[in-house]
PDB file of N, CA and C in Angstrom:
ATOM      1  N   MET A   1       0.807  -1.180   0.002  1.00  0.00           N
ATOM      2  CA  MET A   1      -0.033   0.010  -0.003  1.00  0.00           C
ATOM      3  C   MET A   1       0.883   1.238   0.026  1.00  0.00           C
ATOM      4  N   GLU A   2       0.588   2.152  -0.899  1.00  0.00           N
ATOM      5  CA  GLU A   2       1.423   3.418  -1.029  1.00  0.00           C
ATOM      6  C   GLU A   2       0.931   4.421  -0.014  1.00  0.00           C
ATOM      7  N   PRO A   3       1.864   5.337   0.437  1.00  0.00           N
ATOM      8  CA  PRO A   3       1.393   6.342   1.365  1.00  0.00           C
ATOM      9  C   PRO A   3       0.500   7.273   0.664  1.00  0.00           C
ATOM     10  N   GLU A   4      -0.482   7.817   1.402  1.00  0.00           N
ATOM     11  CA  GLU A   4      -1.431   8.807   0.777  1.00  0.00           C
ATOM     12  C   GLU A   4      -0.718  10.123   0.467  1.00  0.00           C
ATOM     13  N   GLN A   5      -0.905  10.657  -0.710  1.00  0.00           N
ATOM     14  CA  GLN A   5      -0.338  11.891  -1.005  1.00  0.00           C
ATOM     15  C   GLN A   5      -1.325  12.997  -1.061  1.00  0.00           C
ATOM     16  N   SER A   6      -0.928  14.217  -0.693  1.00  0.00           N
ATOM     17  CA  SER A   6      -1.772  15.395  -0.719  1.00  0.00           C
ATOM     18  C   SER A   6      -1.976  15.786  -2.151  1.00  0.00           C
ATOM     19  N   ILE A   7      -3.223  16.053  -2.502  1.00  0.00           N
ATOM     20  CA  ILE A   7      -3.519  16.532  -3.827  1.00  0.00           C
ATOM     21  C   ILE A   7      -3.781  18.002  -3.781  1.00  0.00           C
ATOM     22  N   ALA A   8      -2.760  18.730  -4.222  1.00  0.00           N
ATOM     23  CA  ALA A   8      -2.952  20.233  -4.199  1.00  0.00           C
ATOM     24  C   ALA A   8      -3.551  20.686  -5.530  1.00  0.00           C
ATOM     25  N   PRO A   9      -4.376  21.747  -5.428  1.00  0.00           N
ATOM     26  CA  PRO A   9      -4.889  22.320  -6.680  1.00  0.00           C
ATOM     27  C   PRO A   9      -3.847  22.832  -7.622  1.00  0.00           C
ATOM     28  N   PRO A  10      -4.117  22.805  -8.902  1.00  0.00           N
ATOM     29  CA  PRO A  10      -3.116  23.369  -9.903  1.00  0.00           C
ATOM     30  C   PRO A  10      -2.751  24.719  -9.560  1.00  0.00           C
ATOM     31  N   SER A  11      -1.521  25.100  -9.828  1.00  0.00           N
ATOM     32  CA  SER A  11      -1.096  26.488  -9.589  1.00  0.00           C
ATOM     33  C   SER A  11      -1.731  27.473 -10.590  1.00  0.00           C
ATOM     34  N   PRO A  12      -2.175  28.602 -10.004  1.00  0.00           N
ATOM     35  CA  PRO A  12      -2.817  29.614 -10.873  1.00  0.00           C
ATOM     36  C   PRO A  12      -1.647  30.386 -11.645  1.00  0.00           C
ATOM     37  N   ALA A  13      -2.143  31.083 -12.626  1.00  0.00           N
ATOM     38  CA  ALA A  13      -1.153  31.981 -13.258  1.00  0.00           C
ATOM     39  C   ALA A  13      -0.791  33.103 -12.361  1.00  0.00           C
ATOM     40  N   LEU A  14       0.459  33.560 -12.443  1.00  0.00           N
ATOM     41  CA  LEU A  14       0.938  34.674 -11.573  1.00  0.00           C
ATOM     42  C   LEU A  14      -0.024  35.920 -11.704  1.00  0.00           C
ATOM     43  N   SER A  15      -0.524  36.163 -12.863  1.00  0.00           N
ATOM     44  CA  SER A  15      -1.293  37.301 -13.077  1.00  0.00           C
ATOM     45  C   SER A  15      -2.703  37.248 -12.388  1.00  0.00           C
ATOM     46  N   GLU A  16      -3.068  36.051 -11.901  1.00  0.00           N
ATOM     47  CA  GLU A  16      -4.251  35.859 -11.063  1.00  0.00           C
ATOM     48  C   GLU A  16      -4.110  36.253  -9.628  1.00  0.00           C
ATOM     49  N   LEU A  17      -2.854  36.327  -9.169  1.00  0.00           N
ATOM     50  CA  LEU A  17      -2.541  36.585  -7.750  1.00  0.00           C
ATOM     51  C   LEU A  17      -2.538  38.116  -7.401  1.00  0.00           C
ATOM     52  N   ARG A  18      -2.940  38.376  -6.197  1.00  0.00           N
ATOM     53  CA  ARG A  18      -3.078  39.683  -5.627  1.00  0.00           C
ATOM     54  C   ARG A  18      -2.199  39.880  -4.357  1.00  0.00           C
ATOM     55  N   THR A  19      -1.663  41.028  -4.189  1.00  0.00           N
ATOM     56  CA  THR A  19      -1.054  41.296  -2.793  1.00  0.00           C
ATOM     57  C   THR A  19      -2.039  41.304  -1.818  1.00  0.00           C
ATOM     58  N   VAL A  20      -1.700  41.245  -0.579  1.00  0.00           N
ATOM     59  CA  VAL A  20      -2.681  41.354   0.540  1.00  0.00           C
ATOM     60  C   VAL A  20      -3.479  42.548   0.475  1.00  0.00           C
ATOM     61  N   PRO A  21      -2.819  43.785   0.365  1.00  0.00           N
ATOM     62  CA  PRO A  21      -3.664  44.994   0.251  1.00  0.00           C
ATOM     63  C   PRO A  21      -4.691  44.988  -0.972  1.00  0.00           C
ATOM     64  N   GLU A  22      -4.192  44.446  -2.065  1.00  0.00           N
ATOM     65  CA  GLU A  22      -5.110  44.435  -3.245  1.00  0.00           C
ATOM     66  C   GLU A  22      -6.267  43.490  -2.938  1.00  0.00           C
ATOM     67  N   ALA A  23      -5.961  42.328  -2.365  1.00  0.00           N
ATOM     68  CA  ALA A  23      -7.062  41.421  -2.040  1.00  0.00           C
ATOM     69  C   ALA A  23      -8.035  42.052  -1.047  1.00  0.00           C
ATOM     70  N   GLN A  24      -7.462  42.685  -0.105  1.00  0.00           N
ATOM     71  CA  GLN A  24      -8.393  43.305   0.990  1.00  0.00           C
ATOM     72  C   GLN A  24      -9.252  44.342   0.366  1.00  0.00           C
ATOM     73  N   SER A  25      -8.807  45.096  -0.605  1.00  0.00           N
ATOM     74  CA  SER A  25      -9.693  46.055  -1.207  1.00  0.00           C
ATOM     75  C   SER A  25     -10.845  45.431  -1.940  1.00  0.00           C
ATOM     76  N   GLU A  26     -10.696  44.179  -2.464  1.00  0.00           N
ATOM     77  CA  GLU A  26     -11.714  43.464  -3.000  1.00  0.00           C
ATOM     78  C   GLU A  26     -12.631  42.771  -2.002  1.00  0.00           C
ATOM     79  N   LEU A  27     -12.310  42.674  -0.782  1.00  0.00           N
ATOM     80  CA  LEU A  27     -13.003  41.958   0.174  1.00  0.00           C
ATOM     81  C   LEU A  27     -13.422  42.764   1.363  1.00  0.00           C
ATOM     82  N   THR A  28     -13.642  44.092   1.174  1.00  0.00           N
ATOM     83  CA  THR A  28     -13.950  44.994   2.299  1.00  0.00           C
ATOM     84  C   THR A  28     -15.206  44.676   3.011  1.00  0.00           C
ATOM     85  N   ASN A  29     -16.180  43.952   2.324  1.00  0.00           N
ATOM     86  CA  ASN A  29     -17.425  43.593   2.999  1.00  0.00           C
ATOM     87  C   ASN A  29     -17.159  42.565   4.125  1.00  0.00           C
ATOM     88  N   ILE A  30     -16.097  41.794   4.058  1.00  0.00           N
ATOM     89  CA  ILE A  30     -15.816  40.759   4.986  1.00  0.00           C
ATOM     90  C   ILE A  30     -14.589  41.179   5.862  1.00  0.00           C
ATOM     91  N   PHE A  31     -13.589  41.748   5.271  1.00  0.00           N
ATOM     92  CA  PHE A  31     -12.408  42.206   5.946  1.00  0.00           C
ATOM     93  C   PHE A  31     -12.236  43.710   5.737  1.00  0.00           C
ATOM     94  N   PRO A  32     -12.915  44.477   6.684  1.00  0.00           N
ATOM     95  CA  PRO A  32     -12.989  45.945   6.398  1.00  0.00           C
ATOM     96  C   PRO A  32     -11.702  46.733   6.487  1.00  0.00           C
ATOM     97  N   THR A  33     -10.667  46.078   7.142  1.00  0.00           N
ATOM     98  CA  THR A  33      -9.354  46.722   7.218  1.00  0.00           C
ATOM     99  C   THR A  33      -8.260  45.725   6.850  1.00  0.00           C
ATOM    100  N   LEU A  34      -7.101  46.243   6.513  1.00  0.00           N
ATOM    101  CA  LEU A  34      -6.026  45.395   6.156  1.00  0.00           C
ATOM    102  C   LEU A  34      -5.594  44.609   7.350  1.00  0.00           C
ATOM    103  N   GLY A  35      -5.733  45.122   8.552  1.00  0.00           N
ATOM    104  CA  GLY A  35      -5.382  44.316   9.807  1.00  0.00           C
ATOM    105  C   GLY A  35      -6.257  43.132   9.996  1.00  0.00           C
ATOM    106  N   ALA A  36      -7.566  43.297   9.596  1.00  0.00           N
ATOM    107  CA  ALA A  36      -8.533  42.126   9.759  1.00  0.00           C
ATOM    108  C   ALA A  36      -8.084  41.053   8.830  1.00  0.00           C
ATOM    109  N   LEU A  37      -7.753  41.378   7.628  1.00  0.00           N
ATOM    110  CA  LEU A  37      -7.301  40.355   6.714  1.00  0.00           C
ATOM    111  C   LEU A  37      -5.919  39.692   7.082  1.00  0.00           C
ATOM    112  N   GLU A  38      -5.062  40.535   7.567  1.00  0.00           N
ATOM    113  CA  GLU A  38      -3.764  40.021   8.052  1.00  0.00           C
ATOM    114  C   GLU A  38      -3.946  39.063   9.229  1.00  0.00           C
ATOM    115  N   TRP A  39      -4.913  39.377  10.137  1.00  0.00           N
ATOM    116  CA  TRP A  39      -5.171  38.481  11.274  1.00  0.00           C
ATOM    117  C   TRP A  39      -5.754  37.200  10.735  1.00  0.00           C
ATOM    118  N   GLU A  40      -6.670  37.221   9.806  1.00  0.00           N
ATOM    119  CA  GLU A  40      -7.227  35.996   9.315  1.00  0.00           C
ATOM    120  C   GLU A  40      -6.095  35.046   8.750  1.00  0.00           C
ATOM    121  N   LEU A  41      -5.196  35.748   7.936  1.00  0.00           N
ATOM    122  CA  LEU A  41      -4.100  34.949   7.383  1.00  0.00           C
ATOM    123  C   LEU A  41      -3.136  34.406   8.408  1.00  0.00           C
ATOM    124  N   LYS A  42      -2.948  35.126   9.514  1.00  0.00           N
ATOM    125  CA  LYS A  42      -2.136  34.610  10.555  1.00  0.00           C
ATOM    126  C   LYS A  42      -2.735  33.420  11.309  1.00  0.00           C
ATOM    127  N   VAL A  43      -3.972  33.542  11.590  1.00  0.00           N
ATOM    128  CA  VAL A  43      -4.746  32.479  12.237  1.00  0.00           C
ATOM    129  C   VAL A  43      -4.956  31.220  11.426  1.00  0.00           C
ATOM    130  N   ARG A  44      -5.246  31.376  10.121  1.00  0.00           N
ATOM    131  CA  ARG A  44      -5.716  30.261   9.277  1.00  0.00           C
ATOM    132  C   ARG A  44      -4.779  30.092   8.062  1.00  0.00           C
ATOM    133  N   ARG A  45      -3.525  30.488   8.128  1.00  0.00           N
ATOM    134  CA  ARG A  45      -2.624  30.461   7.015  1.00  0.00           C
ATOM    135  C   ARG A  45      -2.578  29.052   6.431  1.00  0.00           C
ATOM    136  N   ARG A  46      -2.432  28.058   7.322  1.00  0.00           N
ATOM    137  CA  ARG A  46      -2.337  26.668   6.712  1.00  0.00           C
ATOM    138  C   ARG A  46      -3.482  26.275   5.879  1.00  0.00           C
ATOM    139  N   GLU A  47      -4.640  26.582   6.227  1.00  0.00           N
ATOM    140  CA  GLU A  47      -5.852  26.250   5.466  1.00  0.00           C
ATOM    141  C   GLU A  47      -5.814  26.898   4.087  1.00  0.00           C
ATOM    142  N   TYR A  48      -5.414  28.149   4.062  1.00  0.00           N
ATOM    143  CA  TYR A  48      -5.344  28.927   2.836  1.00  0.00           C
ATOM    144  C   TYR A  48      -4.269  28.292   1.922  1.00  0.00           C
ATOM    145  N   ILE A  49      -3.120  27.925   2.504  1.00  0.00           N
ATOM    146  CA  ILE A  49      -2.015  27.348   1.747  1.00  0.00           C
ATOM    147  C   ILE A  49      -2.519  25.997   1.150  1.00  0.00           C
ATOM    148  N   GLU A  50      -3.135  25.159   1.925  1.00  0.00           N
ATOM    149  CA  GLU A  50      -3.596  23.891   1.486  1.00  0.00           C
ATOM    150  C   GLU A  50      -4.684  24.029   0.352  1.00  0.00           C
ATOM    151  N   ALA A  51      -5.402  25.099   0.312  1.00  0.00           N
ATOM    152  CA  ALA A  51      -6.441  25.286  -0.645  1.00  0.00           C
ATOM    153  C   ALA A  51      -5.926  25.965  -1.923  1.00  0.00           C
ATOM    154  N   GLY A  52      -4.642  26.290  -1.825  1.00  0.00           N
ATOM    155  CA  GLY A  52      -4.015  26.944  -3.070  1.00  0.00           C
ATOM    156  C   GLY A  52      -4.418  28.377  -3.187  1.00  0.00           C
ATOM    157  N   ALA A  53      -4.640  29.052  -2.070  1.00  0.00           N
ATOM    158  CA  ALA A  53      -5.061  30.431  -2.047  1.00  0.00           C
ATOM    159  C   ALA A  53      -3.961  31.421  -1.577  1.00  0.00           C
ATOM    160  N   PHE A  54      -2.931  30.851  -0.954  1.00  0.00           N
ATOM    161  CA  PHE A  54      -1.898  31.636  -0.305  1.00  0.00           C
ATOM    162  C   PHE A  54      -0.506  31.228  -0.885  1.00  0.00           C
ATOM    163  N   PHE A  55       0.225  32.104  -1.358  1.00  0.00           N
ATOM    164  CA  PHE A  55       1.544  31.901  -1.917  1.00  0.00           C
ATOM    165  C   PHE A  55       2.558  32.848  -1.435  1.00  0.00           C
ATOM    166  N   TRP A  56       3.803  32.428  -1.359  1.00  0.00           N
ATOM    167  CA  TRP A  56       4.940  33.309  -1.005  1.00  0.00           C
ATOM    168  C   TRP A  56       5.855  33.334  -2.245  1.00  0.00           C
ATOM    169  N   VAL A  57       5.783  34.424  -3.001  1.00  0.00           N
ATOM    170  CA  VAL A  57       6.533  34.562  -4.273  1.00  0.00           C
ATOM    171  C   VAL A  57       7.453  35.804  -4.137  1.00  0.00           C
ATOM    172  N   ALA A  58       8.717  35.581  -4.399  1.00  0.00           N
ATOM    173  CA  ALA A  58       9.676  36.715  -4.421  1.00  0.00           C
ATOM    174  C   ALA A  58       9.673  37.577  -3.168  1.00  0.00           C
ATOM    175  N   GLY A  59       9.450  36.837  -2.049  1.00  0.00           N
ATOM    176  CA  GLY A  59       9.456  37.554  -0.770  1.00  0.00           C
ATOM    177  C   GLY A  59       8.094  38.278  -0.441  1.00  0.00           C
ATOM    178  N   ARG A  60       7.132  38.051  -1.218  1.00  0.00           N
ATOM    179  CA  ARG A  60       5.797  38.740  -1.068  1.00  0.00           C
ATOM    180  C   ARG A  60       4.671  37.669  -0.813  1.00  0.00           C
ATOM    181  N   ILE A  61       3.756  38.009   0.021  1.00  0.00           N
ATOM    182  CA  ILE A  61       2.614  37.170   0.233  1.00  0.00           C
ATOM    183  C   ILE A  61       1.643  37.475  -0.891  1.00  0.00           C
ATOM    184  N   LEU A  62       1.151  36.482  -1.645  1.00  0.00           N
ATOM    185  CA  LEU A  62       0.194  36.749  -2.687  1.00  0.00           C
ATOM    186  C   LEU A  62      -0.986  35.845  -2.477  1.00  0.00           C
ATOM    187  N   LEU A  63      -2.180  36.316  -2.806  1.00  0.00           N
ATOM    188  CA  LEU A  63      -3.419  35.560  -2.595  1.00  0.00           C
ATOM    189  C   LEU A  63      -4.074  35.347  -3.992  1.00  0.00           C
ATOM    190  N   HIS A  64      -4.748  34.170  -4.095  1.00  0.00           N
ATOM    191  CA  HIS A  64      -5.602  33.906  -5.237  1.00  0.00           C
ATOM    192  C   HIS A  64      -7.013  34.243  -4.853  1.00  0.00           C
ATOM    193  N   PRO A  65      -7.586  35.351  -5.257  1.00  0.00           N
ATOM    194  CA  PRO A  65      -8.875  35.829  -4.761  1.00  0.00           C
ATOM    195  C   PRO A  65     -10.030  34.822  -4.759  1.00  0.00           C
ATOM    196  N   ALA A  66     -10.237  34.062  -5.867  1.00  0.00           N
ATOM    197  CA  ALA A  66     -11.323  33.092  -5.890  1.00  0.00           C
ATOM    198  C   ALA A  66     -11.109  31.981  -4.911  1.00  0.00           C
ATOM    199  N   ARG A  67      -9.965  31.502  -4.859  1.00  0.00           N
ATOM    200  CA  ARG A  67      -9.678  30.361  -3.927  1.00  0.00           C
ATOM    201  C   ARG A  67      -9.745  30.867  -2.505  1.00  0.00           C
ATOM    202  N   PHE A  68      -9.280  32.033  -2.301  1.00  0.00           N
ATOM    203  CA  PHE A  68      -9.349  32.670  -0.961  1.00  0.00           C
ATOM    204  C   PHE A  68     -10.833  32.762  -0.469  1.00  0.00           C
ATOM    205  N   ALA A  69     -11.584  33.373  -1.315  1.00  0.00           N
ATOM    206  CA  ALA A  69     -13.133  33.520  -1.051  1.00  0.00           C
ATOM    207  C   ALA A  69     -13.748  32.221  -0.789  1.00  0.00           C
ATOM    208  N   GLU A  70     -13.471  31.184  -1.622  1.00  0.00           N
ATOM    209  CA  GLU A  70     -14.049  29.846  -1.446  1.00  0.00           C
ATOM    210  C   GLU A  70     -13.625  29.260  -0.134  1.00  0.00           C
ATOM    211  N   THR A  71     -12.411  29.398   0.203  1.00  0.00           N
ATOM    212  CA  THR A  71     -11.816  28.832   1.458  1.00  0.00           C
ATOM    213  C   THR A  71     -12.380  29.585   2.667  1.00  0.00           C
ATOM    214  N   ALA A  72     -12.513  30.874   2.525  1.00  0.00           N
ATOM    215  CA  ALA A  72     -13.117  31.710   3.735  1.00  0.00           C
ATOM    216  C   ALA A  72     -14.556  31.271   3.921  1.00  0.00           C
ATOM    217  N   LEU A  73     -15.314  30.992   2.880  1.00  0.00           N
ATOM    218  CA  LEU A  73     -16.641  30.484   3.030  1.00  0.00           C
ATOM    219  C   LEU A  73     -16.727  29.120   3.729  1.00  0.00           C
ATOM    220  N   LYS A  74     -15.881  28.208   3.350  1.00  0.00           N
ATOM    221  CA  LYS A  74     -15.770  26.909   4.016  1.00  0.00           C
ATOM    222  C   LYS A  74     -15.463  27.042   5.441  1.00  0.00           C
ATOM    223  N   ILE A  75     -14.435  27.926   5.744  1.00  0.00           N
ATOM    224  CA  ILE A  75     -14.120  28.161   7.188  1.00  0.00           C
ATOM    225  C   ILE A  75     -15.293  28.706   7.855  1.00  0.00           C
ATOM    226  N   GLY A  76     -15.943  29.705   7.282  1.00  0.00           N
ATOM    227  CA  GLY A  76     -17.138  30.313   7.923  1.00  0.00           C
ATOM    228  C   GLY A  76     -18.279  29.322   8.140  1.00  0.00           C
ATOM    229  N   THR A  77     -18.490  28.442   7.219  1.00  0.00           N
ATOM    230  CA  THR A  77     -19.533  27.442   7.347  1.00  0.00           C
ATOM    231  C   THR A  77     -19.242  26.504   8.498  1.00  0.00           C
ATOM    232  N   ARG A  78     -18.004  26.023   8.555  1.00  0.00           N
ATOM    233  CA  ARG A  78     -17.530  25.173   9.648  1.00  0.00           C
ATOM    234  C   ARG A  78     -17.647  25.853  10.996  1.00  0.00           C
ATOM    235  N   GLU A  79     -17.279  27.099  11.080  1.00  0.00           N
ATOM    236  CA  GLU A  79     -17.360  27.801  12.337  1.00  0.00           C
ATOM    237  C   GLU A  79     -18.792  28.082  12.798  1.00  0.00           C
ATOM    238  N   ALA A  80     -19.722  28.365  11.744  1.00  0.00           N
ATOM    239  CA  ALA A  80     -21.132  28.544  12.077  1.00  0.00           C
ATOM    240  C   ALA A  80     -21.724  27.204  12.662  1.00  0.00           C
ATOM    241  N   ALA A  81     -21.329  26.157  12.052  1.00  0.00           N
ATOM    242  CA  ALA A  81     -21.846  24.821  12.517  1.00  0.00           C
ATOM    243  C   ALA A  81     -21.370  24.500  13.923  1.00  0.00           C
ATOM    244  N   ARG A  82     -20.076  24.851  14.192  1.00  0.00           N
ATOM    245  CA  ARG A  82     -19.477  24.562  15.494  1.00  0.00           C
ATOM    246  C   ARG A  82     -20.198  25.470  16.540  1.00  0.00           C
ATOM    247  N   ARG A  83     -20.402  26.703  16.252  1.00  0.00           N
ATOM    248  CA  ARG A  83     -21.116  27.606  17.176  1.00  0.00           C
ATOM    249  C   ARG A  83     -22.567  27.177  17.439  1.00  0.00           C
ATOM    250  N   ALA A  84     -23.238  26.737  16.322  1.00  0.00           N
ATOM    251  CA  ALA A  84     -24.582  26.225  16.502  1.00  0.00           C
ATOM    252  C   ALA A  84     -24.699  25.082  17.361  1.00  0.00           C
ATOM    253  N   ALA A  85     -23.751  24.147  17.204  1.00  0.00           N
ATOM    254  CA  ALA A  85     -23.744  22.953  18.015  1.00  0.00           C
ATOM    255  C   ALA A  85     -23.533  23.238  19.464  1.00  0.00           C
ATOM    256  N   ARG A  86     -22.625  24.243  19.691  1.00  0.00           N
ATOM    257  CA  ARG A  86     -22.320  24.659  21.132  1.00  0.00           C
ATOM    258  C   ARG A  86     -23.553  25.300  21.700  1.00  0.00           C
ATOM    259  N   THR A  87     -24.275  26.107  20.997  1.00  0.00           N
ATOM    260  CA  THR A  87     -25.369  26.826  21.604  1.00  0.00           C
ATOM    261  C   THR A  87     -26.681  25.943  21.715  1.00  0.00           C
ATOM    262  N   SER A  88     -26.674  24.849  20.951  1.00  0.00           N
ATOM    263  CA  SER A  88     -27.864  24.081  20.981  1.00  0.00           C
ATOM    264  C   SER A  88     -27.875  22.939  22.058  1.00  0.00           C
ATOM    265  N   GLN A  89     -26.656  22.804  22.742  1.00  0.00           N
ATOM    266  CA  GLN A  89     -26.468  21.836  23.744  1.00  0.00           C
ATOM    267  C   GLN A  89     -27.230  22.287  25.015  1.00  0.00           C
ATOM    268  N   PRO A  90     -27.902  21.390  25.684  1.00  0.00           N
ATOM    269  CA  PRO A  90     -28.629  21.817  26.976  1.00  0.00           C
ATOM    270  C   PRO A  90     -27.584  22.180  27.999  1.00  0.00           C
ATOM    271  N   ALA A  91     -27.957  23.103  28.772  1.00  0.00           N
ATOM    272  CA  ALA A  91     -27.048  23.585  29.929  1.00  0.00           C
ATOM    273  C   ALA A  91     -27.011  22.605  31.045  1.00  0.00           C
TER     274      ALA A  91
END
């Protein structure tokens, strides 16, 4: 039996990537400040990397906007379910 390998999404074109400030300006409804987006990346960096949404190129952090948004929604759905389960438990 062969070891299980991680299947990463195909790499996007460099032209599809955005700097963190550029990405934040496209996501102001969710991350109203640059600091809010930077905090999200600090806390959930691994998930964004695994989703193919976070890259380190030439010493700069770059994000793939579509993959980032998709991953943020998955994280948000999971967090909402976790919180709902916690609040629905009897005291």
